[in-house]
Protein backbone atom coordinates (compact mmCIF):
# COMPACT_ATOMS: atom_id res chain seq x y z
CA MET A 1 30.08 -89.10 -42.57
CA ARG A 2 28.46 -86.10 -44.21
CA SER A 3 28.82 -82.48 -43.04
CA ILE A 4 26.90 -79.31 -43.83
CA ILE A 5 28.88 -76.19 -44.50
CA ALA A 6 26.97 -72.96 -43.85
CA GLU A 7 27.21 -70.15 -46.35
CA ASP A 8 27.54 -67.77 -43.39
CA PRO A 9 30.85 -68.54 -41.61
CA ASN A 10 29.48 -66.98 -38.40
CA TRP A 11 26.44 -69.21 -38.38
CA CYS A 12 25.99 -71.42 -35.36
CA LEU A 13 23.18 -73.67 -34.23
CA ASP A 14 23.13 -71.82 -30.89
CA LEU A 15 22.19 -68.59 -32.71
CA VAL A 16 19.04 -69.95 -34.27
CA PRO A 17 16.16 -67.85 -32.84
CA SER A 18 13.23 -69.47 -31.17
CA LEU A 19 9.90 -69.61 -32.95
CA SER A 20 8.42 -67.11 -30.47
CA SER A 21 11.22 -64.62 -31.25
CA ILE A 22 10.59 -65.00 -34.97
CA CYS A 23 6.87 -64.38 -34.40
CA LEU A 24 7.56 -61.28 -32.30
CA GLN A 25 9.92 -59.95 -34.97
CA CYS A 26 7.19 -60.52 -37.53
CA ILE A 27 4.87 -58.41 -35.37
CA VAL A 28 7.51 -55.68 -35.22
CA ASN A 29 7.84 -55.68 -39.00
CA THR A 30 4.09 -55.43 -39.54
CA ILE A 31 3.16 -53.37 -36.48
CA GLU A 32 0.87 -51.05 -38.43
CA GLU A 33 -1.25 -54.06 -39.43
CA THR A 34 -1.19 -55.82 -36.07
CA GLN A 35 -3.67 -55.25 -33.25
CA ILE A 36 -2.61 -57.86 -30.68
CA PHE A 37 -0.78 -55.80 -28.04
CA GLU A 38 -3.49 -56.57 -25.50
CA LYS A 39 -2.94 -60.33 -25.93
CA LEU A 40 0.80 -60.26 -25.24
CA THR A 41 2.57 -60.74 -21.93
CA PRO A 42 4.44 -57.78 -20.36
CA ASP A 43 7.81 -59.25 -21.37
CA GLN A 44 6.65 -59.73 -24.95
CA LYS A 45 5.36 -56.13 -25.06
CA ASP A 46 8.72 -54.83 -23.81
CA LEU A 47 10.58 -56.90 -26.41
CA ILE A 48 8.48 -55.47 -29.23
CA GLN A 49 8.86 -51.91 -27.93
CA GLU A 50 12.63 -52.34 -27.76
CA ARG A 51 12.76 -53.42 -31.41
CA LEU A 52 10.33 -50.92 -32.92
CA PRO A 53 12.15 -48.21 -34.90
CA PRO A 54 11.50 -44.72 -33.44
CA SER A 55 11.13 -43.41 -36.99
CA LEU A 56 7.69 -44.98 -37.41
CA PRO A 57 4.97 -42.45 -38.35
CA LEU A 58 3.01 -41.09 -35.41
CA HIS A 59 -0.33 -41.92 -36.99
CA GLU A 60 0.68 -45.61 -36.77
CA THR A 61 2.08 -45.66 -33.23
CA ALA A 62 0.09 -43.02 -31.30
CA ASN A 63 -2.93 -45.15 -30.46
CA LEU A 64 -1.34 -48.53 -31.08
CA VAL A 65 1.83 -48.60 -28.94
CA PRO A 66 1.09 -48.27 -25.21
CA ASP A 67 3.17 -46.29 -22.75
CA GLY A 68 6.52 -47.94 -22.19
CA VAL A 69 10.02 -48.54 -23.53
CA TYR A 70 9.25 -47.41 -27.09
CA TRP A 71 8.19 -43.93 -26.00
CA LYS A 72 11.15 -43.70 -23.65
CA ARG A 73 13.45 -44.39 -26.60
CA CYS A 74 11.64 -41.76 -28.69
CA CYS A 75 12.05 -39.15 -25.95
CA GLU A 76 15.71 -39.85 -25.23
CA LEU A 77 16.52 -39.84 -28.93
CA ARG A 78 14.94 -36.42 -29.39
CA TRP A 79 15.77 -34.53 -26.17
CA ASN A 80 18.90 -34.51 -24.04
CA ILE A 81 17.10 -33.98 -20.73
CA CYS A 82 14.14 -36.27 -20.03
CA ASP A 83 12.74 -36.13 -16.48
CA VAL A 84 9.73 -38.41 -16.68
CA SER A 85 8.74 -37.59 -13.08
CA LEU A 86 7.51 -34.21 -14.36
CA TYR A 87 5.01 -35.98 -16.57
CA GLY A 88 3.38 -38.34 -14.12
CA HIS A 89 6.06 -40.96 -14.93
CA SER A 90 4.53 -41.40 -18.38
CA TRP A 91 6.96 -41.44 -21.32
CA LYS A 92 4.11 -41.27 -23.79
CA ARG A 93 2.69 -38.17 -22.15
CA MET A 94 6.14 -36.56 -22.15
CA PHE A 95 6.62 -37.24 -25.84
CA PHE A 96 3.29 -35.82 -26.99
CA GLU A 97 3.35 -32.80 -24.68
CA ARG A 98 6.84 -31.79 -25.73
CA HIS A 99 6.17 -32.61 -29.37
CA LEU A 100 3.11 -30.33 -29.43
CA GLU A 101 4.95 -27.61 -27.49
CA ASN A 102 7.77 -27.61 -30.03
CA MET A 103 5.35 -27.37 -32.93
CA ILE A 104 3.57 -24.37 -31.38
CA GLU A 105 6.79 -22.61 -30.37
CA LEU A 106 8.18 -22.89 -33.91
CA PHE A 107 4.91 -22.00 -35.64
CA ILE A 108 5.26 -18.86 -37.79
CA PRO A 109 1.91 -17.18 -38.58
CA ASP A 110 1.26 -16.65 -42.30
CA LEU A 111 4.11 -19.01 -43.13
CA THR A 112 3.67 -22.32 -41.30
CA GLU A 113 0.73 -24.35 -42.57
CA PRO A 114 -1.84 -24.70 -39.71
CA LYS A 115 -2.61 -28.20 -40.92
CA THR A 116 0.74 -29.37 -39.57
CA VAL A 117 -0.51 -28.75 -36.03
CA LEU A 118 -4.13 -29.70 -36.56
CA ASP A 119 -3.18 -33.13 -37.97
CA VAL A 120 -1.34 -33.96 -34.73
CA LEU A 121 -4.22 -33.08 -32.38
CA PRO A 122 -6.24 -36.30 -32.91
CA LEU A 123 -3.11 -38.29 -32.06
CA CYS A 124 -2.12 -36.46 -28.86
CA LYS A 125 -5.42 -35.16 -27.45
CA ASN A 126 -5.77 -38.03 -24.97
CA TYR A 127 -2.25 -37.69 -23.55
CA VAL A 128 -1.56 -33.96 -23.20
CA ARG A 129 -2.25 -32.63 -19.70
CA ARG A 130 0.06 -29.63 -19.62
CA LEU A 131 1.43 -27.23 -22.22
CA ASN A 132 4.42 -25.06 -21.34
CA ILE A 133 4.90 -22.61 -24.21
CA SER A 134 8.08 -20.59 -23.70
CA GLN A 135 7.90 -18.54 -26.91
CA LEU A 136 5.42 -17.53 -29.61
CA LEU A 137 6.73 -16.28 -32.93
CA LEU A 138 5.47 -13.30 -34.93
CA PRO A 139 4.87 -13.32 -38.68
CA VAL A 140 7.88 -12.54 -40.85
CA LYS A 141 7.98 -10.69 -44.15
CA LYS A 142 10.74 -10.81 -46.68
CA SER A 143 11.92 -7.33 -47.36
CA GLN A 144 12.19 -5.66 -50.71
CA LYS A 145 15.54 -5.52 -52.43
CA ARG A 146 18.02 -3.54 -50.43
CA LYS A 147 19.78 -0.49 -51.68
CA GLU A 148 23.42 -0.84 -52.54
CA ASP A 149 24.43 1.33 -49.61
CA LYS A 150 22.95 -1.18 -47.14
CA PRO A 151 24.50 -4.48 -48.18
CA HIS A 152 24.75 -5.94 -44.66
CA GLU A 153 21.15 -5.55 -43.48
CA SER A 154 19.10 -8.65 -42.85
CA ASP A 155 16.92 -9.83 -45.70
CA VAL A 156 14.11 -10.64 -43.27
CA VAL A 157 12.30 -8.13 -41.06
CA VAL A 158 9.74 -8.71 -38.35
CA ASN A 159 6.59 -6.85 -39.30
CA ASP A 160 6.24 -3.29 -40.62
CA GLU A 161 3.41 -0.84 -41.12
CA GLU A 162 2.16 -2.63 -44.24
CA ASN A 163 2.07 -5.96 -42.43
CA GLU A 164 0.55 -4.72 -39.17
CA ALA A 165 -2.79 -6.40 -39.82
CA SER A 166 -1.18 -9.84 -39.47
CA MET A 167 0.86 -9.07 -36.34
CA ASP A 168 -0.57 -11.96 -34.38
CA HIS A 169 0.87 -15.02 -32.72
CA PHE A 170 -0.28 -18.63 -32.78
CA ASP A 171 -4.08 -18.99 -32.66
CA PHE A 172 -5.03 -21.34 -29.80
CA ARG A 173 -8.72 -21.61 -30.71
CA PRO A 174 -8.49 -24.80 -32.81
CA VAL A 175 -6.17 -26.45 -30.26
CA LEU A 176 -7.43 -26.02 -26.71
CA GLY A 177 -10.92 -27.28 -27.40
CA GLU A 178 -9.50 -30.52 -28.82
CA LEU A 179 -7.24 -31.35 -25.88
CA LEU A 180 -9.65 -33.37 -23.77
CA ASN A 181 -7.41 -33.69 -20.70
CA LEU A 182 -5.54 -30.36 -20.66
CA GLU A 183 -5.22 -29.13 -17.06
CA GLU A 184 -2.34 -26.62 -17.18
CA LEU A 185 -1.48 -23.92 -19.71
CA HIS A 186 1.71 -21.88 -19.31
CA LEU A 187 2.20 -19.09 -21.86
CA VAL A 188 4.78 -16.39 -22.53
CA TYR A 189 4.28 -14.09 -25.51
CA ARG A 190 7.88 -13.46 -26.45
CA ILE A 191 10.61 -14.42 -28.90
CA LYS A 192 13.73 -16.04 -27.52
CA LYS A 193 17.11 -15.21 -29.01
CA CYS A 194 15.81 -12.31 -31.10
CA GLY A 195 19.29 -10.78 -31.26
CA MET A 196 19.65 -7.54 -33.22
CA ASN A 197 16.08 -7.83 -34.53
CA PHE A 198 14.74 -6.77 -31.11
CA GLU A 199 11.44 -4.89 -31.03
CA TRP A 200 9.08 -4.38 -28.09
CA SER A 201 6.29 -5.96 -30.14
CA MET A 202 8.10 -9.27 -29.76
CA PHE A 203 7.30 -9.28 -26.04
CA GLU A 204 3.59 -8.59 -25.76
CA ILE A 205 0.25 -10.14 -26.46
CA THR A 206 -1.77 -8.23 -29.05
CA ASP A 207 -5.45 -7.31 -28.77
CA ARG A 208 -6.39 -9.92 -31.36
CA ASP A 209 -4.25 -12.55 -29.63
CA CYS A 210 -6.03 -11.79 -26.38
CA LYS A 211 -9.45 -12.07 -27.99
CA TYR A 212 -8.62 -15.43 -29.58
CA LEU A 213 -7.00 -16.75 -26.40
CA ALA A 214 -10.07 -15.81 -24.36
CA MET A 215 -12.30 -17.71 -26.77
CA ALA A 216 -9.96 -20.72 -26.61
CA LEU A 217 -9.93 -20.72 -22.80
CA LYS A 218 -13.70 -20.66 -22.71
CA SER A 219 -13.82 -23.85 -24.77
CA CYS A 220 -11.24 -25.66 -22.59
CA LYS A 221 -13.47 -26.96 -19.81
CA THR A 222 -10.82 -29.09 -18.11
CA LEU A 223 -8.27 -26.30 -17.49
CA LYS A 224 -7.23 -25.94 -13.84
CA LEU A 225 -4.19 -23.64 -14.09
CA LEU A 226 -3.58 -20.68 -16.39
CA ARG A 227 -0.19 -18.97 -16.24
CA LEU A 228 0.35 -15.96 -18.53
CA ARG A 229 3.53 -14.12 -17.55
CA HIS A 230 5.88 -11.52 -19.06
CA SER A 231 3.44 -10.73 -21.87
CA HIS A 232 2.60 -7.05 -21.24
CA VAL A 233 -1.00 -7.79 -20.28
CA GLU A 234 -2.67 -4.52 -19.31
CA ASP A 235 -6.13 -3.66 -17.95
CA LYS A 236 -8.07 -3.99 -21.20
CA LYS A 237 -6.61 -7.39 -22.02
CA CYS A 238 -6.96 -8.57 -18.43
CA ARG A 239 -10.66 -7.69 -18.43
CA LEU A 240 -11.17 -9.54 -21.71
CA LEU A 241 -9.44 -12.67 -20.45
CA VAL A 242 -11.02 -12.74 -17.01
CA ARG A 243 -14.58 -12.15 -18.23
CA CYS A 244 -14.31 -15.34 -20.29
CA LEU A 245 -13.28 -17.19 -17.12
CA LEU A 246 -16.10 -16.00 -14.85
CA ASP A 247 -18.16 -19.13 -15.46
CA HIS A 248 -15.26 -21.53 -15.99
CA PRO A 249 -16.12 -24.87 -14.36
CA SER A 250 -12.66 -26.08 -13.31
CA LEU A 251 -10.15 -23.19 -13.04
CA LYS A 252 -8.29 -23.33 -9.70
CA GLU A 253 -5.16 -21.23 -10.22
CA LEU A 254 -4.59 -17.99 -12.13
CA ASP A 255 -1.08 -16.55 -12.52
CA LEU A 256 -0.75 -13.16 -14.26
CA ALA A 257 2.54 -12.16 -12.65
CA HIS A 258 5.04 -9.78 -14.29
CA ASN A 259 2.56 -7.85 -16.43
CA VAL A 260 1.22 -4.27 -16.32
CA ILE A 261 -2.25 -4.84 -14.85
CA GLY A 262 -3.67 -1.92 -12.86
CA ASP A 263 -6.76 -1.12 -10.84
CA SER A 264 -9.27 -1.72 -13.62
CA GLY A 265 -7.94 -5.23 -14.09
CA ALA A 266 -7.90 -5.79 -10.32
CA LYS A 267 -11.61 -4.95 -10.14
CA VAL A 268 -12.56 -7.66 -12.61
CA LEU A 269 -10.28 -10.06 -10.71
CA GLY A 270 -12.31 -9.26 -7.62
CA GLU A 271 -15.40 -10.24 -9.57
CA LEU A 272 -13.67 -13.48 -10.55
CA LEU A 273 -13.03 -14.29 -6.89
CA THR A 274 -16.71 -13.99 -6.05
CA LYS A 275 -17.99 -16.07 -8.98
CA THR A 276 -15.51 -18.95 -9.28
CA LYS A 277 -13.78 -21.47 -7.06
CA LEU A 278 -10.30 -20.02 -7.58
CA GLU A 279 -7.77 -21.27 -5.02
CA LYS A 280 -4.56 -19.42 -5.99
CA LEU A 281 -4.14 -15.92 -7.44
CA ASN A 282 -0.69 -14.58 -8.33
CA MET A 283 -0.54 -10.90 -9.34
CA CYS A 284 3.12 -10.33 -8.51
CA ASN A 285 4.89 -7.39 -10.16
CA ASN A 286 1.95 -5.51 -11.66
CA LYS A 287 0.62 -1.96 -11.17
CA ILE A 288 -2.20 -2.48 -8.68
CA SER A 289 -2.67 0.45 -6.29
CA GLU A 290 -4.97 1.18 -3.35
CA VAL A 291 -8.13 1.14 -5.49
CA GLY A 292 -7.43 -2.27 -6.97
CA ALA A 293 -6.38 -3.68 -3.62
CA LYS A 294 -9.67 -2.55 -2.09
CA ALA A 295 -11.59 -4.35 -4.85
CA ILE A 296 -9.70 -7.57 -4.13
CA ALA A 297 -10.19 -7.07 -0.38
CA HIS A 298 -13.94 -6.68 -0.83
CA ALA A 299 -14.01 -9.95 -2.77
CA LEU A 300 -12.08 -11.72 -0.01
CA THR A 301 -14.83 -11.00 2.51
CA ASN A 302 -17.21 -13.13 0.42
CA ASN A 303 -14.74 -15.74 -0.79
CA PHE A 304 -14.53 -19.25 0.65
CA THR A 305 -12.06 -20.99 -1.70
CA LEU A 306 -8.95 -18.82 -2.17
CA TRP A 307 -6.05 -19.97 0.01
CA SER A 308 -3.10 -18.15 -1.64
CA LEU A 309 -2.87 -14.47 -2.66
CA ASN A 310 0.37 -12.97 -4.03
CA LEU A 311 0.46 -9.19 -4.50
CA ARG A 312 4.21 -8.76 -4.24
CA LEU A 313 5.77 -5.77 -6.03
CA ASN A 314 2.64 -3.68 -6.55
CA GLN A 315 1.71 -0.29 -5.04
CA VAL A 316 -1.14 -1.12 -2.67
CA ARG A 317 0.34 1.08 0.11
CA ASP A 318 -1.31 1.36 3.53
CA GLU A 319 -4.82 2.10 2.32
CA GLY A 320 -4.85 -1.07 0.21
CA GLY A 321 -2.85 -3.12 2.69
CA GLN A 322 -5.22 -2.27 5.52
CA ALA A 323 -8.23 -3.23 3.42
CA ILE A 324 -6.76 -6.63 2.57
CA VAL A 325 -5.70 -7.61 6.09
CA GLU A 326 -8.97 -6.37 7.60
CA ALA A 327 -10.84 -8.57 5.12
CA LEU A 328 -9.20 -11.54 6.85
CA GLN A 329 -11.32 -10.90 9.92
CA ASN A 330 -14.21 -12.45 8.01
CA ASN A 331 -12.25 -14.69 5.62
CA THR A 332 -11.69 -18.25 6.85
CA THR A 333 -9.81 -19.82 3.92
CA LEU A 334 -6.79 -17.64 3.00
CA SER A 335 -3.63 -19.19 4.42
CA HIS A 336 -0.84 -17.54 2.36
CA LEU A 337 -0.56 -13.77 1.87
CA HIS A 338 2.32 -11.94 0.15
CA LEU A 339 2.46 -8.13 0.42
CA GLY A 340 6.21 -7.72 -0.02
CA GLY A 341 7.47 -4.59 -1.77
CA ASN A 342 4.19 -2.64 -1.63
CA ASP A 343 5.16 0.56 0.21
CA VAL A 344 3.17 -0.42 3.29
CA THR A 345 4.24 0.92 6.70
CA TRP A 346 3.58 0.35 10.39
CA ILE A 347 -0.06 1.26 9.80
CA THR A 348 -0.65 -1.95 7.84
CA ALA A 349 1.43 -3.91 10.37
CA VAL A 350 -0.76 -2.69 13.23
CA ALA A 351 -3.91 -3.62 11.29
CA LEU A 352 -2.45 -7.08 10.64
CA SER A 353 -1.53 -7.54 14.29
CA LYS A 354 -5.19 -7.08 15.28
CA VAL A 355 -6.16 -9.79 12.78
CA LEU A 356 -3.49 -12.26 13.93
CA VAL A 357 -4.88 -12.31 17.44
CA LYS A 358 -8.16 -13.81 16.21
CA ASN A 359 -7.41 -15.37 12.81
CA THR A 360 -6.65 -19.10 12.93
CA THR A 361 -6.44 -19.72 9.18
CA LEU A 362 -3.43 -17.68 8.10
CA LYS A 363 -0.24 -19.80 7.91
CA SER A 364 2.17 -17.59 5.97
CA VAL A 365 2.62 -13.80 5.73
CA ASN A 366 5.30 -11.97 3.76
CA LEU A 367 5.83 -8.25 4.46
CA SER A 368 9.44 -8.03 3.30
CA CYS A 369 10.89 -4.88 1.67
CA ASN A 370 8.42 -2.52 3.36
CA GLU A 371 8.93 0.27 5.90
CA LEU A 372 7.31 -1.29 8.98
CA GLY A 373 9.70 0.32 11.40
CA GLU A 374 9.92 -0.15 15.16
CA ALA A 375 6.22 0.50 15.78
CA GLY A 376 5.17 -2.12 13.25
CA GLY A 377 7.62 -4.66 14.63
CA LYS A 378 6.40 -4.26 18.20
CA ALA A 379 2.76 -4.58 17.13
CA LEU A 380 3.48 -7.81 15.25
CA ALA A 381 5.57 -9.20 18.12
CA GLU A 382 2.76 -8.57 20.59
CA ALA A 383 0.22 -10.19 18.26
CA MET A 384 2.39 -13.26 17.70
CA SER A 385 2.47 -13.91 21.45
CA HIS A 386 -1.26 -14.69 21.13
CA ASN A 387 -1.13 -16.51 17.77
CA SER A 388 -0.63 -20.27 17.49
CA THR A 389 -1.17 -20.90 13.76
CA LEU A 390 1.20 -18.61 11.79
CA THR A 391 4.24 -20.70 10.76
CA GLU A 392 5.92 -18.23 8.35
CA CYS A 393 6.43 -14.50 8.81
CA ASP A 394 8.92 -12.80 6.48
CA ILE A 395 9.92 -9.34 7.74
CA ARG A 396 13.31 -8.97 6.05
CA GLN A 397 14.36 -5.45 5.10
CA THR A 398 11.51 -3.79 6.99
CA ASP A 399 13.49 -1.81 9.58
CA VAL A 400 11.99 -3.86 12.40
CA ASP A 401 14.15 -3.67 15.53
CA GLU A 402 16.15 -6.76 16.51
CA GLU A 403 14.23 -7.42 19.72
CA SER A 404 10.87 -7.51 17.97
CA ALA A 405 12.26 -9.60 15.09
CA ALA A 406 13.66 -12.13 17.58
CA SER A 407 10.32 -12.29 19.41
CA ILE A 408 8.44 -12.88 16.14
CA ASP A 409 10.88 -15.58 15.04
CA LYS A 410 10.58 -17.33 18.41
CA ALA A 411 6.78 -17.42 18.16
CA VAL A 412 6.92 -18.67 14.56
CA TRP A 413 9.32 -21.47 15.53
CA ALA A 414 7.05 -22.47 18.39
CA ASN A 415 4.08 -22.67 16.01
CA GLN A 416 6.13 -24.71 13.53
CA SER A 417 7.20 -27.16 16.21
CA ALA A 418 3.63 -27.58 17.39
CA GLU A 419 2.47 -28.21 13.83
CA TRP A 420 5.22 -30.79 13.22
CA ASP A 421 4.30 -32.60 16.44
CA GLN A 422 0.65 -32.66 15.43
CA GLN A 423 1.53 -34.04 11.99
CA ALA A 424 3.74 -36.71 13.56
CA LYS A 425 0.92 -37.81 15.86
CA GLN A 426 -1.47 -37.93 12.95
CA ARG A 427 0.91 -40.11 10.94
CA THR A 428 1.22 -42.41 13.93
CA ARG A 429 -2.54 -42.76 14.17
CA ASN A 430 -2.93 -43.20 10.40
CA PRO A 431 0.19 -45.00 9.14
CA ILE A 432 0.63 -45.22 5.36
CA SER A 433 0.18 -48.78 4.19
CA PRO A 434 3.13 -50.23 2.20
């Protein structure tokens, strides 16, 4: 009897891998030279993706490894919170969107080499659909040697008079035109965690930034949503941005909330409403007064696409509020209107009550934090007794008397119940197939 003694004491015949496993491991080891993913079964693809090291260069895996386990591993290794449902349940999309976002948010003008971002664009352009940029850094300049009496000052300062010419943020022009499927762009021109280096210039978009961003938006033909908040956008910058969007083929939603846009900017927004197919406009917390509100109201009379208008926390007052609600006599598309915190009174409420009797499009109205008073409450209560379509009416903190508020709430609940019954009947007639 002869016996074979293995050099490895843990060796066992049961541990010998199958030929198919050896072949798959060979593919893993030479993945950059292999182009057979399409010929493998789903189980074989998963096995390879589970074995691939996440440290592989992106230029080898971006267009070679399909969406799946490998990209899930890459995401979970890099970020603690990974909600794939926010990315269309695509791990590959999540990875490239967040990877590009991080590169842009950490880009320092005049210091970071632009090539580092440009080299990634060919790899991610087919997968990025949304960019959510939460900060944009300013250039930094190393200071001169400090005097002996200031030994504790920082050795880096953000901008100064000599460096003012380069006070710009990341330039989006080379990026947006390359992203073939970009649909949403969320921007905030600010620096997070600035600490003791705080300056107001860290929280605003510059004139040059605005010019470059406008040019970039014009080249991004697939964009559907633009959100530019908390960036100190004023009238001049608003006009520059909006004029580049007047002939945009796909823009559906514009959000410029929490800026300092006034009447001049509102006028060009009115022009935008008449020349594009915008569906949602959010101008919350700006400086639009009666004049700007009238411009938007005039646009509403000739608009057939906008269904949501948010003017909360402006100063439209009764003259502007009346103009907007009276425009709804001819408008047949607007279904959500927010005029909360605009210094409107019972005068606007009475004008709205006349519209509610005839308008069958409006679904939601918010008049909270205004001085409607008893007269305004009674007018709205009377109008709601003849309205069957309004399902939301926010009149909190408006000094409306309890009886009128109860009457309005009762009518709103009745409309909601009727709408729910209609939706239930429709689902019964058109059941969703499993």
